[in-house]
């Protein structure tokens, strides 16, 4: 399961890898309560680096409750 979950990310060289990983996780959990419990027990560990958001002057932050939000990077302006 960790290998499949690690593929649920954006990849410029393989743009469909995330979709395939999500489909594999769905199939892995369908009618398998033990696998569903593994997924349900996962906890957020932090925020991964996101080059695309950074280039737009944005960042994802995690608060003390484990909730994520999107905000402008402090001290930067983005002009369109």
N, C-alpha and C. Protein backbone atom coordinates (compact mmCIF):
# COMPACT_ATOMS: atom_id res chain seq x y z
N UNK A 1 0.82 -1.20 0.00
CA UNK A 1 0.00 0.00 0.00
C UNK A 1 0.86 1.27 0.00
N UNK A 2 1.96 1.36 0.78
CA UNK A 2 2.77 2.59 0.74
C UNK A 2 3.30 2.91 -0.66
N UNK A 3 3.65 1.90 -1.42
CA UNK A 3 4.14 2.14 -2.77
C UNK A 3 3.05 2.75 -3.65
N UNK A 4 1.85 2.24 -3.54
CA UNK A 4 0.74 2.78 -4.33
C UNK A 4 0.44 4.21 -3.90
N UNK A 5 0.40 4.44 -2.59
CA UNK A 5 0.10 5.79 -2.09
C UNK A 5 1.17 6.79 -2.51
N UNK A 6 2.42 6.35 -2.59
CA UNK A 6 3.49 7.27 -2.98
C UNK A 6 3.38 7.70 -4.43
N UNK A 7 2.61 7.00 -5.23
CA UNK A 7 2.43 7.35 -6.63
C UNK A 7 1.25 8.30 -6.86
N UNK A 8 0.50 8.60 -5.82
CA UNK A 8 -0.65 9.50 -5.94
C UNK A 8 -0.17 10.94 -5.89
N UNK A 9 0.61 11.32 -6.89
CA UNK A 9 1.20 12.66 -6.98
C UNK A 9 1.27 13.07 -8.44
N UNK A 10 1.54 14.33 -8.67
CA UNK A 10 1.70 14.82 -10.04
C UNK A 10 3.10 14.46 -10.54
N UNK A 11 3.18 14.05 -11.80
CA UNK A 11 4.46 13.68 -12.40
C UNK A 11 4.44 14.15 -13.85
N UNK A 12 5.32 15.09 -14.19
CA UNK A 12 5.36 15.64 -15.55
C UNK A 12 5.66 14.58 -16.60
N UNK A 13 6.47 13.59 -16.24
CA UNK A 13 6.86 12.55 -17.20
C UNK A 13 5.77 11.50 -17.40
N UNK A 14 4.90 11.34 -16.42
CA UNK A 14 3.81 10.37 -16.50
C UNK A 14 2.56 11.03 -15.92
N UNK A 15 1.85 11.82 -16.73
CA UNK A 15 0.75 12.63 -16.20
C UNK A 15 -0.44 11.82 -15.67
N UNK A 16 -0.54 10.55 -16.00
CA UNK A 16 -1.68 9.75 -15.53
C UNK A 16 -1.34 8.89 -14.31
N UNK A 17 -0.11 8.98 -13.79
CA UNK A 17 0.28 8.11 -12.68
C UNK A 17 -0.61 8.33 -11.46
N UNK A 18 -1.00 9.57 -11.20
CA UNK A 18 -1.86 9.84 -10.05
C UNK A 18 -3.22 9.16 -10.21
N UNK A 19 -3.80 9.27 -11.40
CA UNK A 19 -5.10 8.65 -11.63
C UNK A 19 -5.03 7.13 -11.50
N UNK A 20 -3.96 6.52 -12.03
CA UNK A 20 -3.79 5.07 -11.90
C UNK A 20 -3.62 4.68 -10.43
N UNK A 21 -2.89 5.48 -9.67
CA UNK A 21 -2.70 5.18 -8.25
C UNK A 21 -4.02 5.27 -7.49
N UNK A 22 -4.82 6.29 -7.80
CA UNK A 22 -6.12 6.44 -7.13
C UNK A 22 -7.03 5.26 -7.48
N UNK A 23 -7.02 4.84 -8.73
CA UNK A 23 -7.82 3.68 -9.13
C UNK A 23 -7.32 2.41 -8.41
N UNK A 24 -6.01 2.26 -8.28
CA UNK A 24 -5.46 1.09 -7.57
C UNK A 24 -5.86 1.10 -6.10
N UNK A 25 -5.83 2.28 -5.48
CA UNK A 25 -6.23 2.38 -4.07
C UNK A 25 -7.71 2.04 -3.93
N UNK A 26 -8.52 2.52 -4.85
CA UNK A 26 -9.95 2.18 -4.82
C UNK A 26 -10.16 0.68 -4.90
N UNK A 27 -9.50 0.05 -5.85
CA UNK A 27 -9.64 -1.39 -6.02
C UNK A 27 -9.06 -2.16 -4.83
N UNK A 28 -7.99 -1.65 -4.27
CA UNK A 28 -7.35 -2.28 -3.12
C UNK A 28 -8.27 -2.26 -1.90
N UNK A 29 -9.10 -1.20 -1.79
CA UNK A 29 -9.96 -1.03 -0.62
C UNK A 29 -11.38 -1.57 -0.79
N UNK A 30 -11.80 -1.77 -2.04
CA UNK A 30 -13.17 -2.20 -2.28
C UNK A 30 -13.43 -3.56 -1.65
N UNK A 31 -14.38 -3.59 -0.72
CA UNK A 31 -14.79 -4.80 0.00
C UNK A 31 -13.66 -5.42 0.82
N UNK A 32 -12.70 -4.59 1.25
CA UNK A 32 -11.60 -5.06 2.11
C UNK A 32 -11.50 -4.11 3.31
N UNK A 33 -12.18 -4.49 4.39
CA UNK A 33 -12.25 -3.62 5.56
C UNK A 33 -10.88 -3.36 6.18
N UNK A 34 -9.98 -4.33 6.14
CA UNK A 34 -8.64 -4.12 6.71
C UNK A 34 -7.90 -3.02 5.94
N UNK A 35 -7.99 -3.05 4.63
CA UNK A 35 -7.34 -2.03 3.82
C UNK A 35 -8.00 -0.67 4.02
N UNK A 36 -9.32 -0.65 4.16
CA UNK A 36 -10.03 0.60 4.42
C UNK A 36 -9.60 1.19 5.76
N UNK A 37 -9.36 0.32 6.75
CA UNK A 37 -8.92 0.78 8.07
C UNK A 37 -7.52 1.40 7.99
N UNK A 38 -6.67 0.85 7.15
CA UNK A 38 -5.33 1.42 6.98
C UNK A 38 -5.44 2.83 6.44
N UNK A 39 -6.26 3.02 5.41
CA UNK A 39 -6.45 4.34 4.83
C UNK A 39 -7.08 5.29 5.85
N UNK A 40 -8.08 4.83 6.57
CA UNK A 40 -8.77 5.68 7.55
C UNK A 40 -7.84 6.10 8.68
N UNK A 41 -6.83 5.30 8.98
CA UNK A 41 -5.91 5.60 10.07
C UNK A 41 -4.76 6.51 9.69
N UNK A 42 -4.65 6.89 8.42
CA UNK A 42 -3.56 7.75 8.01
C UNK A 42 -3.71 9.15 8.60
N UNK A 43 -2.61 9.74 8.96
CA UNK A 43 -2.59 11.09 9.51
C UNK A 43 -1.73 11.98 8.62
N UNK A 44 -2.11 13.25 8.46
CA UNK A 44 -1.27 14.15 7.66
C UNK A 44 0.08 14.35 8.34
N UNK A 45 1.12 14.36 7.52
CA UNK A 45 2.48 14.52 8.04
C UNK A 45 3.04 15.91 7.78
N UNK A 46 2.46 16.62 6.86
CA UNK A 46 2.96 17.94 6.52
C UNK A 46 2.60 18.27 5.09
N UNK A 47 3.26 19.28 4.57
CA UNK A 47 2.97 19.77 3.23
C UNK A 47 4.16 19.45 2.32
N UNK A 48 3.88 18.84 1.19
CA UNK A 48 4.93 18.55 0.21
C UNK A 48 5.24 19.80 -0.59
N UNK A 49 6.46 19.90 -1.07
CA UNK A 49 6.87 21.01 -1.92
C UNK A 49 6.05 20.98 -3.21
N UNK A 50 5.58 22.14 -3.65
CA UNK A 50 4.79 22.22 -4.87
C UNK A 50 5.35 23.35 -5.73
N UNK A 51 6.14 22.99 -6.71
CA UNK A 51 6.82 23.95 -7.58
C UNK A 51 5.82 24.85 -8.30
N UNK A 52 4.74 24.27 -8.82
CA UNK A 52 3.77 25.05 -9.58
C UNK A 52 3.12 26.13 -8.73
N UNK A 53 2.72 25.78 -7.51
CA UNK A 53 2.12 26.78 -6.64
C UNK A 53 3.14 27.85 -6.25
N UNK A 54 4.36 27.43 -6.00
CA UNK A 54 5.41 28.37 -5.64
C UNK A 54 5.65 29.38 -6.75
N UNK A 55 5.64 28.91 -8.00
CA UNK A 55 5.82 29.80 -9.14
C UNK A 55 4.69 30.82 -9.25
N UNK A 56 3.52 30.47 -8.73
CA UNK A 56 2.38 31.39 -8.74
C UNK A 56 2.34 32.28 -7.50
N UNK A 57 3.36 32.13 -6.62
CA UNK A 57 3.40 32.93 -5.41
C UNK A 57 2.45 32.44 -4.34
N UNK A 58 2.08 31.17 -4.40
CA UNK A 58 1.14 30.59 -3.44
C UNK A 58 1.82 29.47 -2.67
N UNK A 59 1.23 29.10 -1.53
CA UNK A 59 1.73 27.98 -0.75
C UNK A 59 0.58 27.32 -0.01
N UNK A 60 0.77 26.06 0.32
CA UNK A 60 -0.20 25.32 1.13
C UNK A 60 0.36 25.28 2.54
N UNK A 61 -0.48 25.57 3.51
CA UNK A 61 -0.07 25.52 4.91
C UNK A 61 -1.00 24.58 5.67
N UNK A 62 -0.46 23.94 6.71
CA UNK A 62 -1.25 23.06 7.55
C UNK A 62 -1.36 23.70 8.93
N UNK A 63 -2.59 23.83 9.43
CA UNK A 63 -2.75 24.42 10.76
C UNK A 63 -2.60 23.36 11.84
N UNK A 64 -2.74 23.77 13.09
CA UNK A 64 -2.53 22.85 14.22
C UNK A 64 -3.56 21.73 14.29
N UNK A 65 -4.69 21.88 13.58
CA UNK A 65 -5.72 20.84 13.56
C UNK A 65 -5.54 19.86 12.41
N UNK A 66 -4.46 20.03 11.63
CA UNK A 66 -4.22 19.15 10.49
C UNK A 66 -5.00 19.53 9.25
N UNK A 67 -5.60 20.70 9.24
CA UNK A 67 -6.34 21.19 8.07
C UNK A 67 -5.40 21.97 7.16
N UNK A 68 -5.63 21.87 5.86
CA UNK A 68 -4.78 22.53 4.89
C UNK A 68 -5.50 23.72 4.28
N UNK A 69 -4.73 24.77 3.97
CA UNK A 69 -5.30 25.92 3.28
C UNK A 69 -4.27 26.47 2.31
N UNK A 70 -4.76 27.19 1.32
CA UNK A 70 -3.92 27.79 0.29
C UNK A 70 -3.85 29.29 0.57
N UNK A 71 -2.64 29.84 0.50
CA UNK A 71 -2.49 31.27 0.74
C UNK A 71 -1.35 31.82 -0.11
N UNK A 72 -1.35 33.15 -0.24
CA UNK A 72 -0.24 33.81 -0.92
C UNK A 72 0.99 33.70 -0.05
N UNK A 73 2.15 33.50 -0.69
CA UNK A 73 3.39 33.48 0.07
C UNK A 73 3.62 34.85 0.67
N UNK A 74 4.08 34.88 1.89
CA UNK A 74 4.29 36.17 2.55
C UNK A 74 5.43 36.93 1.86
N UNK A 75 5.21 38.22 1.68
CA UNK A 75 6.23 39.06 1.09
C UNK A 75 6.32 38.98 -0.43
N UNK A 76 5.38 38.30 -1.09
CA UNK A 76 5.42 38.19 -2.55
C UNK A 76 4.11 38.65 -3.13
N UNK A 77 4.22 39.23 -4.31
CA UNK A 77 3.03 39.61 -5.08
C UNK A 77 3.09 38.90 -6.40
N UNK A 78 1.94 38.55 -6.92
CA UNK A 78 1.86 37.88 -8.23
C UNK A 78 1.07 38.77 -9.17
N UNK A 79 1.67 39.15 -10.27
CA UNK A 79 0.99 39.98 -11.27
C UNK A 79 0.60 39.13 -12.47
N UNK A 80 -0.62 39.35 -12.94
CA UNK A 80 -1.07 38.61 -14.12
C UNK A 80 -1.35 39.56 -15.24
